[in-house]
Amino acid sequence: MASFEVFKQGKLADQLEERAYEWCAWQIEETFGLKRSKNEWGFEQPIEELLNEEQVNAIETYIESDGIPWIEMYVRSALQGIIDRWHMEQPNPDDDEGYEISFSEDS
């Protein structure tokens, strides 16, 4: 008898993650009255580019709601990714121009 194994789980996870992102992006557009545009190749603009701090705070409040309402794992992950990417794109007032992080042992 042959052993059982599910192949290409990473590919499946990528597809589920992408689907969850699009689902959440659509809900964000609907909730906040936003509209993503498409670039010259037909790809939609990342939803993070349209959000403001108040909207991000509302999403953070939702995902930190201690399970009430219950939030599906992929939805939570997609929303957290959107929030994280939004924060990464924000200017850091403590950031010095030209400052670099070095991971060498000499630093």
PDB file of N, CA and C in Angstrom:
ATOM      1  N   MET A   1       0.843  -1.181   0.000  1.00  0.00           N
ATOM      2  CA  MET A   1       0.000   0.000   0.000  1.00  0.00           C
ATOM      3  C   MET A   1       0.888   1.243   0.000  1.00  0.00           C
ATOM      4  N   ALA A   2       0.532   2.200  -0.824  1.00  0.00           N
ATOM      5  CA  ALA A   2       1.306   3.441  -0.930  1.00  0.00           C
ATOM      6  C   ALA A   2       0.992   4.354   0.251  1.00  0.00           C
ATOM      7  N   SER A   3       2.011   5.102   0.686  1.00  0.00           N
ATOM      8  CA  SER A   3       1.776   6.044   1.783  1.00  0.00           C
ATOM      9  C   SER A   3       1.105   7.309   1.222  1.00  0.00           C
ATOM     10  N   PHE A   4       0.348   7.928   2.050  1.00  0.00           N
ATOM     11  CA  PHE A   4      -0.405   9.116   1.649  1.00  0.00           C
ATOM     12  C   PHE A   4       0.390  10.373   1.984  1.00  0.00           C
ATOM     13  N   GLU A   5       0.358  11.344   1.066  1.00  0.00           N
ATOM     14  CA  GLU A   5       1.008  12.627   1.306  1.00  0.00           C
ATOM     15  C   GLU A   5       0.318  13.692   0.459  1.00  0.00           C
ATOM     16  N   VAL A   6       0.132  14.855   1.023  1.00  0.00           N
ATOM     17  CA  VAL A   6      -0.431  15.984   0.271  1.00  0.00           C
ATOM     18  C   VAL A   6       0.739  16.802  -0.257  1.00  0.00           C
ATOM     19  N   PHE A   7       0.815  16.922  -1.566  1.00  0.00           N
ATOM     20  CA  PHE A   7       1.906  17.637  -2.201  1.00  0.00           C
ATOM     21  C   PHE A   7       1.539  19.104  -2.436  1.00  0.00           C
ATOM     22  N   LYS A   8       2.552  19.916  -2.615  1.00  0.00           N
ATOM     23  CA  LYS A   8       2.439  21.338  -2.975  1.00  0.00           C
ATOM     24  C   LYS A   8       1.617  22.130  -1.962  1.00  0.00           C
ATOM     25  N   GLN A   9       1.805  21.835  -0.687  1.00  0.00           N
ATOM     26  CA  GLN A   9       1.080  22.564   0.354  1.00  0.00           C
ATOM     27  C   GLN A   9       1.454  24.043   0.382  1.00  0.00           C
ATOM     28  N   GLY A  10       2.703  24.348   0.072  1.00  0.00           N
ATOM     29  CA  GLY A  10       3.136  25.747   0.021  1.00  0.00           C
ATOM     30  C   GLY A  10       2.383  26.519  -1.046  1.00  0.00           C
ATOM     31  N   LYS A  11       2.181  25.881  -2.190  1.00  0.00           N
ATOM     32  CA  LYS A  11       1.428  26.516  -3.278  1.00  0.00           C
ATOM     33  C   LYS A  11      -0.021  26.768  -2.844  1.00  0.00           C
ATOM     34  N   LEU A  12      -0.607  25.799  -2.173  1.00  0.00           N
ATOM     35  CA  LEU A  12      -1.961  25.954  -1.660  1.00  0.00           C
ATOM     36  C   LEU A  12      -2.023  27.105  -0.659  1.00  0.00           C
ATOM     37  N   ALA A  13      -1.060  27.160   0.257  1.00  0.00           N
ATOM     38  CA  ALA A  13      -1.025  28.222   1.268  1.00  0.00           C
ATOM     39  C   ALA A  13      -0.898  29.590   0.608  1.00  0.00           C
ATOM     40  N   ASP A  14      -0.060  29.698  -0.433  1.00  0.00           N
ATOM     41  CA  ASP A  14       0.085  30.966  -1.150  1.00  0.00           C
ATOM     42  C   ASP A  14      -1.237  31.404  -1.779  1.00  0.00           C
ATOM     43  N   GLN A  15      -1.950  30.451  -2.385  1.00  0.00           N
ATOM     44  CA  GLN A  15      -3.230  30.773  -3.018  1.00  0.00           C
ATOM     45  C   GLN A  15      -4.272  31.197  -1.987  1.00  0.00           C
ATOM     46  N   LEU A  16      -4.307  30.510  -0.849  1.00  0.00           N
ATOM     47  CA  LEU A  16      -5.258  30.877   0.203  1.00  0.00           C
ATOM     48  C   LEU A  16      -4.932  32.250   0.783  1.00  0.00           C
ATOM     49  N   GLU A  17      -3.645  32.520   0.970  1.00  0.00           N
ATOM     50  CA  GLU A  17      -3.220  33.816   1.494  1.00  0.00           C
ATOM     51  C   GLU A  17      -3.592  34.943   0.521  1.00  0.00           C
ATOM     52  N   GLU A  18      -3.360  34.711  -0.763  1.00  0.00           N
ATOM     53  CA  GLU A  18      -3.706  35.719  -1.777  1.00  0.00           C
ATOM     54  C   GLU A  18      -5.214  35.949  -1.815  1.00  0.00           C
ATOM     55  N   ARG A  19      -5.975  34.889  -1.754  1.00  0.00           N
ATOM     56  CA  ARG A  19      -7.442  34.997  -1.769  1.00  0.00           C
ATOM     57  C   ARG A  19      -7.937  35.752  -0.536  1.00  0.00           C
ATOM     58  N   ALA A  20      -7.353  35.470   0.636  1.00  0.00           N
ATOM     59  CA  ALA A  20      -7.741  36.161   1.865  1.00  0.00           C
ATOM     60  C   ALA A  20      -7.402  37.646   1.778  1.00  0.00           C
ATOM     61  N   TYR A  21      -6.231  37.966   1.214  1.00  0.00           N
ATOM     62  CA  TYR A  21      -5.846  39.374   1.051  1.00  0.00           C
ATOM     63  C   TYR A  21      -6.861  40.103   0.177  1.00  0.00           C
ATOM     64  N   GLU A  22      -7.186  39.516  -0.961  1.00  0.00           N
ATOM     65  CA  GLU A  22      -8.146  40.160  -1.880  1.00  0.00           C
ATOM     66  C   GLU A  22      -9.517  40.311  -1.228  1.00  0.00           C
ATOM     67  N   TRP A  23      -9.932  39.308  -0.487  1.00  0.00           N
ATOM     68  CA  TRP A  23     -11.220  39.345   0.205  1.00  0.00           C
ATOM     69  C   TRP A  23     -11.231  40.501   1.200  1.00  0.00           C
ATOM     70  N   CYS A  24     -10.162  40.604   1.990  1.00  0.00           N
ATOM     71  CA  CYS A  24     -10.064  41.672   2.998  1.00  0.00           C
ATOM     72  C   CYS A  24      -9.928  43.040   2.339  1.00  0.00           C
ATOM     73  N   ALA A  25      -9.144  43.122   1.269  1.00  0.00           N
ATOM     74  CA  ALA A  25      -8.980  44.397   0.568  1.00  0.00           C
ATOM     75  C   ALA A  25     -10.328  44.883   0.036  1.00  0.00           C
ATOM     76  N   TRP A  26     -11.125  43.958  -0.509  1.00  0.00           N
ATOM     77  CA  TRP A  26     -12.454  44.327  -1.002  1.00  0.00           C
ATOM     78  C   TRP A  26     -13.320  44.856   0.144  1.00  0.00           C
ATOM     79  N   GLN A  27     -13.278  44.162   1.287  1.00  0.00           N
ATOM     80  CA  GLN A  27     -14.092  44.598   2.431  1.00  0.00           C
ATOM     81  C   GLN A  27     -13.635  45.957   2.944  1.00  0.00           C
ATOM     82  N   ILE A  28     -12.329  46.201   2.934  1.00  0.00           N
ATOM     83  CA  ILE A  28     -11.800  47.502   3.343  1.00  0.00           C
ATOM     84  C   ILE A  28     -12.281  48.585   2.385  1.00  0.00           C
ATOM     85  N   GLU A  29     -12.226  48.305   1.086  1.00  0.00           N
ATOM     86  CA  GLU A  29     -12.726  49.270   0.090  1.00  0.00           C
ATOM     87  C   GLU A  29     -14.195  49.598   0.347  1.00  0.00           C
ATOM     88  N   GLU A  30     -14.997  48.562   0.545  1.00  0.00           N
ATOM     89  CA  GLU A  30     -16.432  48.753   0.774  1.00  0.00           C
ATOM     90  C   GLU A  30     -16.710  49.527   2.065  1.00  0.00           C
ATOM     91  N   THR A  31     -16.005  49.168   3.135  1.00  0.00           N
ATOM     92  CA  THR A  31     -16.255  49.782   4.437  1.00  0.00           C
ATOM     93  C   THR A  31     -15.866  51.254   4.457  1.00  0.00           C
ATOM     94  N   PHE A  32     -14.706  51.567   3.877  1.00  0.00           N
ATOM     95  CA  PHE A  32     -14.179  52.921   3.971  1.00  0.00           C
ATOM     96  C   PHE A  32     -14.379  53.747   2.704  1.00  0.00           C
ATOM     97  N   GLY A  33     -15.080  53.210   1.722  1.00  0.00           N
ATOM     98  CA  GLY A  33     -15.352  53.954   0.497  1.00  0.00           C
ATOM     99  C   GLY A  33     -14.101  54.239  -0.319  1.00  0.00           C
ATOM    100  N   LEU A  34     -13.185  53.273  -0.370  1.00  0.00           N
ATOM    101  CA  LEU A  34     -11.945  53.436  -1.123  1.00  0.00           C
ATOM    102  C   LEU A  34     -12.057  52.730  -2.461  1.00  0.00           C
ATOM    103  N   LYS A  35     -11.209  53.117  -3.398  1.00  0.00           N
ATOM    104  CA  LYS A  35     -11.198  52.466  -4.710  1.00  0.00           C
ATOM    105  C   LYS A  35      -9.764  52.327  -5.184  1.00  0.00           C
ATOM    106  N   ARG A  36      -9.326  51.081  -5.323  1.00  0.00           N
ATOM    107  CA  ARG A  36      -7.984  50.832  -5.837  1.00  0.00           C
ATOM    108  C   ARG A  36      -7.975  51.019  -7.342  1.00  0.00           C
ATOM    109  N   SER A  37      -6.900  51.595  -7.847  1.00  0.00           N
ATOM    110  CA  SER A  37      -6.752  51.739  -9.294  1.00  0.00           C
ATOM    111  C   SER A  37      -5.867  50.611  -9.818  1.00  0.00           C
ATOM    112  N   LYS A  38      -5.862  50.433 -11.123  1.00  0.00           N
ATOM    113  CA  LYS A  38      -5.028  49.406 -11.749  1.00  0.00           C
ATOM    114  C   LYS A  38      -3.872  50.089 -12.465  1.00  0.00           C
ATOM    115  N   ASN A  39      -2.708  49.424 -12.422  1.00  0.00           N
ATOM    116  CA  ASN A  39      -1.559  49.976 -13.121  1.00  0.00           C
ATOM    117  C   ASN A  39      -1.612  49.588 -14.594  1.00  0.00           C
ATOM    118  N   GLU A  40      -0.579  49.943 -15.327  1.00  0.00           N
ATOM    119  CA  GLU A  40      -0.563  49.691 -16.771  1.00  0.00           C
ATOM    120  C   GLU A  40      -0.580  48.215 -17.139  1.00  0.00           C
ATOM    121  N   TRP A  41      -0.238  47.334 -16.198  1.00  0.00           N
ATOM    122  CA  TRP A  41      -0.260  45.896 -16.457  1.00  0.00           C
ATOM    123  C   TRP A  41      -1.527  45.242 -15.931  1.00  0.00           C
ATOM    124  N   GLY A  42      -2.438  46.030 -15.367  1.00  0.00           N
ATOM    125  CA  GLY A  42      -3.708  45.497 -14.897  1.00  0.00           C
ATOM    126  C   GLY A  42      -3.722  45.032 -13.456  1.00  0.00           C
ATOM    127  N   PHE A  43      -2.620  45.258 -12.713  1.00  0.00           N
ATOM    128  CA  PHE A  43      -2.572  44.872 -11.306  1.00  0.00           C
ATOM    129  C   PHE A  43      -3.159  45.968 -10.437  1.00  0.00           C
ATOM    130  N   GLU A  44      -3.973  45.560  -9.465  1.00  0.00           N
ATOM    131  CA  GLU A  44      -4.579  46.538  -8.567  1.00  0.00           C
ATOM    132  C   GLU A  44      -3.564  47.082  -7.572  1.00  0.00           C
ATOM    133  N   GLN A  45      -3.741  48.347  -7.274  1.00  0.00           N
ATOM    134  CA  GLN A  45      -2.907  49.033  -6.297  1.00  0.00           C
ATOM    135  C   GLN A  45      -3.068  48.368  -4.929  1.00  0.00           C
ATOM    136  N   PRO A  46      -1.985  48.253  -4.169  1.00  0.00           N
ATOM    137  CA  PRO A  46      -2.102  47.678  -2.822  1.00  0.00           C
ATOM    138  C   PRO A  46      -3.022  48.534  -1.944  1.00  0.00           C
ATOM    139  N   ILE A  47      -3.888  47.895  -1.207  1.00  0.00           N
ATOM    140  CA  ILE A  47      -4.849  48.607  -0.372  1.00  0.00           C
ATOM    141  C   ILE A  47      -4.144  49.462   0.674  1.00  0.00           C
ATOM    142  N   GLU A  48      -2.941  49.044   1.082  1.00  0.00           N
ATOM    143  CA  GLU A  48      -2.191  49.785   2.100  1.00  0.00           C
ATOM    144  C   GLU A  48      -1.921  51.223   1.674  1.00  0.00           C
ATOM    145  N   GLU A  49      -1.797  51.446   0.376  1.00  0.00           N
ATOM    146  CA  GLU A  49      -1.495  52.785  -0.141  1.00  0.00           C
ATOM    147  C   GLU A  49      -2.653  53.757   0.043  1.00  0.00           C
ATOM    148  N   LEU A  50      -3.844  53.251   0.244  1.00  0.00           N
ATOM    149  CA  LEU A  50      -5.028  54.107   0.346  1.00  0.00           C
ATOM    150  C   LEU A  50      -5.473  54.383   1.775  1.00  0.00           C
ATOM    151  N   LEU A  51      -4.954  53.615   2.716  1.00  0.00           N
ATOM    152  CA  LEU A  51      -5.426  53.714   4.101  1.00  0.00           C
ATOM    153  C   LEU A  51      -4.823  54.913   4.827  1.00  0.00           C
ATOM    154  N   ASN A  52      -5.619  55.475   5.732  1.00  0.00           N
ATOM    155  CA  ASN A  52      -5.087  56.498   6.629  1.00  0.00           C
ATOM    156  C   ASN A  52      -4.994  55.898   8.040  1.00  0.00           C
ATOM    157  N   GLU A  53      -4.432  56.663   8.962  1.00  0.00           N
ATOM    158  CA  GLU A  53      -4.191  56.145  10.313  1.00  0.00           C
ATOM    159  C   GLU A  53      -5.481  55.748  11.026  1.00  0.00           C
ATOM    160  N   GLU A  54      -6.526  56.518  10.853  1.00  0.00           N
ATOM    161  CA  GLU A  54      -7.805  56.202  11.499  1.00  0.00           C
ATOM    162  C   GLU A  54      -8.361  54.861  11.008  1.00  0.00           C
ATOM    163  N   GLN A  55      -8.253  54.622   9.712  1.00  0.00           N
ATOM    164  CA  GLN A  55      -8.734  53.364   9.146  1.00  0.00           C
ATOM    165  C   GLN A  55      -7.889  52.183   9.622  1.00  0.00           C
ATOM    166  N   VAL A  56      -6.579  52.375   9.686  1.00  0.00           N
ATOM    167  CA  VAL A  56      -5.691  51.324  10.183  1.00  0.00           C
ATOM    168  C   VAL A  56      -6.022  51.021  11.644  1.00  0.00           C
ATOM    169  N   ASN A  57      -6.269  52.063  12.434  1.00  0.00           N
ATOM    170  CA  ASN A  57      -6.632  51.860  13.837  1.00  0.00           C
ATOM    171  C   ASN A  57      -7.931  51.068  13.965  1.00  0.00           C
ATOM    172  N   ALA A  58      -8.893  51.326  13.091  1.00  0.00           N
ATOM    173  CA  ALA A  58     -10.164  50.588  13.117  1.00  0.00           C
ATOM    174  C   ALA A  58      -9.932  49.110  12.803  1.00  0.00           C
ATOM    175  N   ILE A  59      -9.056  48.826  11.840  1.00  0.00           N
ATOM    176  CA  ILE A  59      -8.746  47.438  11.494  1.00  0.00           C
ATOM    177  C   ILE A  59      -8.011  46.766  12.652  1.00  0.00           C
ATOM    178  N   GLU A  60      -7.061  47.478  13.267  1.00  0.00           N
ATOM    179  CA  GLU A  60      -6.329  46.928  14.414  1.00  0.00           C
ATOM    180  C   GLU A  60      -7.280  46.613  15.566  1.00  0.00           C
ATOM    181  N   THR A  61      -8.220  47.494  15.828  1.00  0.00           N
ATOM    182  CA  THR A  61      -9.201  47.266  16.885  1.00  0.00           C
ATOM    183  C   THR A  61     -10.009  46.000  16.598  1.00  0.00           C
ATOM    184  N   TYR A  62     -10.373  45.816  15.334  1.00  0.00           N
ATOM    185  CA  TYR A  62     -11.130  44.631  14.939  1.00  0.00           C
ATOM    186  C   TYR A  62     -10.340  43.349  15.188  1.00  0.00           C
ATOM    187  N   ILE A  63      -9.069  43.321  14.760  1.00  0.00           N
ATOM    188  CA  ILE A  63      -8.327  42.065  14.908  1.00  0.00           C
ATOM    189  C   ILE A  63      -7.852  41.826  16.335  1.00  0.00           C
ATOM    190  N   GLU A  64      -7.892  42.842  17.177  1.00  0.00           N
ATOM    191  CA  GLU A  64      -7.516  42.680  18.579  1.00  0.00           C
ATOM    192  C   GLU A  64      -8.738  42.505  19.479  1.00  0.00           C
ATOM    193  N   SER A  65      -9.855  42.115  18.908  1.00  0.00           N
ATOM    194  CA  SER A  65     -11.128  42.057  19.625  1.00  0.00           C
ATOM    195  C   SER A  65     -11.316  40.804  20.483  1.00  0.00           C
ATOM    196  N   ASP A  66     -10.253  40.078  20.759  1.00  0.00           N
ATOM    197  CA  ASP A  66     -10.310  38.891  21.629  1.00  0.00           C
ATOM    198  C   ASP A  66     -11.327  37.850  21.161  1.00  0.00           C
ATOM    199  N   GLY A  67     -11.438  37.679  19.865  1.00  0.00           N
ATOM    200  CA  GLY A  67     -12.277  36.607  19.349  1.00  0.00           C
ATOM    201  C   GLY A  67     -13.757  36.908  19.271  1.00  0.00           C
ATOM    202  N   ILE A  68     -14.151  38.130  19.587  1.00  0.00           N
ATOM    203  CA  ILE A  68     -15.569  38.508  19.465  1.00  0.00           C
ATOM    204  C   ILE A  68     -15.635  39.716  18.550  1.00  0.00           C
ATOM    205  N   PRO A  69     -16.026  39.612  17.331  1.00  0.00           N
ATOM    206  CA  PRO A  69     -16.466  38.383  16.662  1.00  0.00           C
ATOM    207  C   PRO A  69     -15.282  37.484  16.335  1.00  0.00           C
ATOM    208  N   TRP A  70     -15.593  36.203  16.082  1.00  0.00           N
ATOM    209  CA  TRP A  70     -14.570  35.248  15.707  1.00  0.00           C
ATOM    210  C   TRP A  70     -14.018  35.639  14.343  1.00  0.00           C
ATOM    211  N   ILE A  71     -12.700  35.561  14.182  1.00  0.00           N
ATOM    212  CA  ILE A  71     -12.056  35.938  12.927  1.00  0.00           C
ATOM    213  C   ILE A  71     -11.262  34.738  12.408  1.00  0.00           C
ATOM    214  N   GLU A  72     -11.535  34.339  11.201  1.00  0.00           N
ATOM    215  CA  GLU A  72     -10.836  33.233  10.552  1.00  0.00           C
ATOM    216  C   GLU A  72      -9.335  33.521  10.505  1.00  0.00           C
ATOM    217  N   MET A  73      -8.522  32.486  10.678  1.00  0.00           N
ATOM    218  CA  MET A  73      -7.070  32.615  10.713  1.00  0.00           C
ATOM    219  C   MET A  73      -6.507  33.335   9.484  1.00  0.00           C
ATOM    220  N   TYR A  74      -6.974  32.985   8.286  1.00  0.00           N
ATOM    221  CA  TYR A  74      -6.462  33.618   7.070  1.00  0.00           C
ATOM    222  C   TYR A  74      -6.861  35.087   6.996  1.00  0.00           C
ATOM    223  N   VAL A  75      -8.030  35.418   7.501  1.00  0.00           N
ATOM    224  CA  VAL A  75      -8.471  36.818   7.534  1.00  0.00           C
ATOM    225  C   VAL A  75      -7.596  37.606   8.496  1.00  0.00           C
ATOM    226  N   ARG A  76      -7.391  37.058   9.677  1.00  0.00           N
ATOM    227  CA  ARG A  76      -6.537  37.721  10.671  1.00  0.00           C
ATOM    228  C   ARG A  76      -5.127  37.941  10.110  1.00  0.00           C
ATOM    229  N   SER A  77      -4.585  36.919   9.465  1.00  0.00           N
ATOM    230  CA  SER A  77      -3.247  37.004   8.891  1.00  0.00           C
ATOM    231  C   SER A  77      -3.182  38.056   7.780  1.00  0.00           C
ATOM    232  N   ALA A  78      -4.180  38.067   6.908  1.00  0.00           N
ATOM    233  CA  ALA A  78      -4.207  39.045   5.813  1.00  0.00           C
ATOM    234  C   ALA A  78      -4.314  40.465   6.353  1.00  0.00           C
ATOM    235  N   LEU A  79      -5.189  40.674   7.327  1.00  0.00           N
ATOM    236  CA  LEU A  79      -5.346  42.013   7.905  1.00  0.00           C
ATOM    237  C   LEU A  79      -4.084  42.459   8.630  1.00  0.00           C
ATOM    238  N   GLN A  80      -3.454  41.538   9.355  1.00  0.00           N
ATOM    239  CA  GLN A  80      -2.212  41.896  10.056  1.00  0.00           C
ATOM    240  C   GLN A  80      -1.121  42.258   9.052  1.00  0.00           C
ATOM    241  N   GLY A  81      -1.072  41.545   7.941  1.00  0.00           N
ATOM    242  CA  GLY A  81      -0.109  41.871   6.889  1.00  0.00           C
ATOM    243  C   GLY A  81      -0.351  43.240   6.301  1.00  0.00           C
ATOM    244  N   ILE A  82      -1.603  43.581   6.074  1.00  0.00           N
ATOM    245  CA  ILE A  82      -1.958  44.911   5.553  1.00  0.00           C
ATOM    246  C   ILE A  82      -1.512  45.986   6.534  1.00  0.00           C
ATOM    247  N   ILE A  83      -1.809  45.780   7.805  1.00  0.00           N
ATOM    248  CA  ILE A  83      -1.428  46.749   8.839  1.00  0.00           C
ATOM    249  C   ILE A  83       0.090  46.879   8.914  1.00  0.00           C
ATOM    250  N   ASP A  84       0.793  45.753   8.926  1.00  0.00           N
ATOM    251  CA  ASP A  84       2.253  45.781   9.023  1.00  0.00           C
ATOM    252  C   ASP A  84       2.876  46.512   7.845  1.00  0.00           C
ATOM    253  N   ARG A  85       2.394  46.225   6.629  1.00  0.00           N
ATOM    254  CA  ARG A  85       2.936  46.911   5.448  1.00  0.00           C
ATOM    255  C   ARG A  85       2.618  48.397   5.483  1.00  0.00           C
ATOM    256  N   TRP A  86       1.438  48.782   5.985  1.00  0.00           N
ATOM    257  CA  TRP A  86       1.085  50.199   6.102  1.00  0.00           C
ATOM    258  C   TRP A  86       2.071  50.889   7.041  1.00  0.00           C
ATOM    259  N   HIS A  87       2.329  50.288   8.205  1.00  0.00           N
ATOM    260  CA  HIS A  87       3.257  50.879   9.172  1.00  0.00           C
ATOM    261  C   HIS A  87       4.674  50.979   8.593  1.00  0.00           C
ATOM    262  N   MET A  88       5.093  49.983   7.834  1.00  0.00           N
ATOM    263  CA  MET A  88       6.433  50.015   7.248  1.00  0.00           C
ATOM    264  C   MET A  88       6.596  51.157   6.254  1.00  0.00           C
ATOM    265  N   GLU A  89       5.506  51.558   5.612  1.00  0.00           N
ATOM    266  CA  GLU A  89       5.562  52.624   4.618  1.00  0.00           C
ATOM    267  C   GLU A  89       5.496  54.022   5.224  1.00  0.00           C
ATOM    268  N   GLN A  90       5.191  54.109   6.492  1.00  0.00           N
ATOM    269  CA  GLN A  90       5.060  55.421   7.135  1.00  0.00           C
ATOM    270  C   GLN A  90       6.439  55.978   7.475  1.00  0.00           C
ATOM    271  N   PRO A  91       6.599  57.300   7.319  1.00  0.00           N
ATOM    272  CA  PRO A  91       7.893  57.897   7.677  1.00  0.00           C
ATOM    273  C   PRO A  91       8.148  57.764   9.176  1.00  0.00           C
ATOM    274  N   ASN A  92       9.390  57.533   9.532  1.00  0.00           N
ATOM    275  CA  ASN A  92       9.776  57.406  10.927  1.00  0.00           C
ATOM    276  C   ASN A  92      10.495  58.685  11.341  1.00  0.00           C
ATOM    277  N   PRO A  93       9.887  59.479  12.224  1.00  0.00           N
ATOM    278  CA  PRO A  93      10.513  60.747  12.615  1.00  0.00           C
ATOM    279  C   PRO A  93      11.833  60.553  13.364  1.00  0.00           C
ATOM    280  N   ASP A  94      12.059  59.368  13.914  1.00  0.00           N
ATOM    281  CA  ASP A  94      13.299  59.093  14.632  1.00  0.00           C
ATOM    282  C   ASP A  94      14.396  58.570  13.707  1.00  0.00           C
ATOM    283  N   ASP A  95      14.048  58.378  12.448  1.00  0.00           N
ATOM    284  CA  ASP A  95      14.984  57.805  11.488  1.00  0.00           C
ATOM    285  C   ASP A  95      15.928  58.889  10.983  1.00  0.00           C
ATOM    286  N   ASP A  96      17.215  58.686  11.167  1.00  0.00           N
ATOM    287  CA  ASP A  96      18.213  59.621  10.655  1.00  0.00           C
ATOM    288  C   ASP A  96      18.510  59.299   9.202  1.00  0.00           C
ATOM    289  N   GLU A  97      18.644  60.345   8.409  1.00  0.00           N
ATOM    290  CA  GLU A  97      18.980  60.176   6.999  1.00  0.00           C
ATOM    291  C   GLU A  97      20.338  59.481   6.885  1.00  0.00           C
ATOM    292  N   GLY A  98      20.421  58.435   6.108  1.00  0.00           N
ATOM    293  CA  GLY A  98      21.680  57.761   5.878  1.00  0.00           C
ATOM    294  C   GLY A  98      22.045  56.715   6.920  1.00  0.00           C
ATOM    295  N   TYR A  99      21.237  56.527   7.938  1.00  0.00           N
ATOM    296  CA  TYR A  99      21.523  55.536   8.976  1.00  0.00           C
ATOM    297  C   TYR A  99      21.316  54.144   8.405  1.00  0.00           C
ATOM    298  N   GLU A 100      22.269  53.267   8.637  1.00  0.00           N
ATOM    299  CA  GLU A 100      22.152  51.898   8.141  1.00  0.00           C
ATOM    300  C   GLU A 100      22.369  50.939   9.295  1.00  0.00           C
ATOM    301  N   ILE A 101      21.677  49.833   9.244  1.00  0.00           N
ATOM    302  CA  ILE A 101      21.862  48.770  10.222  1.00  0.00           C
ATOM    303  C   ILE A 101      22.901  47.816   9.664  1.00  0.00           C
ATOM    304  N   SER A 102      23.897  47.496  10.471  1.00  0.00           N
ATOM    305  CA  SER A 102      24.930  46.575  10.050  1.00  0.00           C
ATOM    306  C   SER A 102      24.825  45.310  10.878  1.00  0.00           C
ATOM    307  N   PHE A 103      24.917  44.179  10.223  1.00  0.00           N
ATOM    308  CA  PHE A 103      24.852  42.901  10.905  1.00  0.00           C
ATOM    309  C   PHE A 103      26.224  42.226  10.972  1.00  0.00           C
ATOM    310  N   SER A 104      27.265  42.955  10.630  1.00  0.00           N
ATOM    311  CA  SER A 104      28.617  42.363  10.695  1.00  0.00           C
ATOM    312  C   SER A 104      29.085  42.371  12.140  1.00  0.00           C
ATOM    313  N   GLU A 105      30.027  41.519  12.426  1.00  0.00           N
ATOM    314  CA  GLU A 105      30.553  41.413  13.781  1.00  0.00           C
ATOM    315  C   GLU A 105      31.420  42.612  14.144  1.00  0.00           C
ATOM    316  N   ASP A 106      31.845  43.385  13.168  1.00  0.00           N
ATOM    317  CA  ASP A 106      32.717  44.537  13.408  1.00  0.00           C
ATOM    318  C   ASP A 106      31.970  45.776  13.883  1.00  0.00           C
ATOM    319  N   SER A 107      30.660  45.766  13.833  1.00  0.00           N
ATOM    320  CA  SER A 107      29.902  46.987  14.141  1.00  0.00           C
ATOM    321  C   SER A 107      29.702  47.220  15.596  1.00  0.00           C
TER     322      SER A 107
END
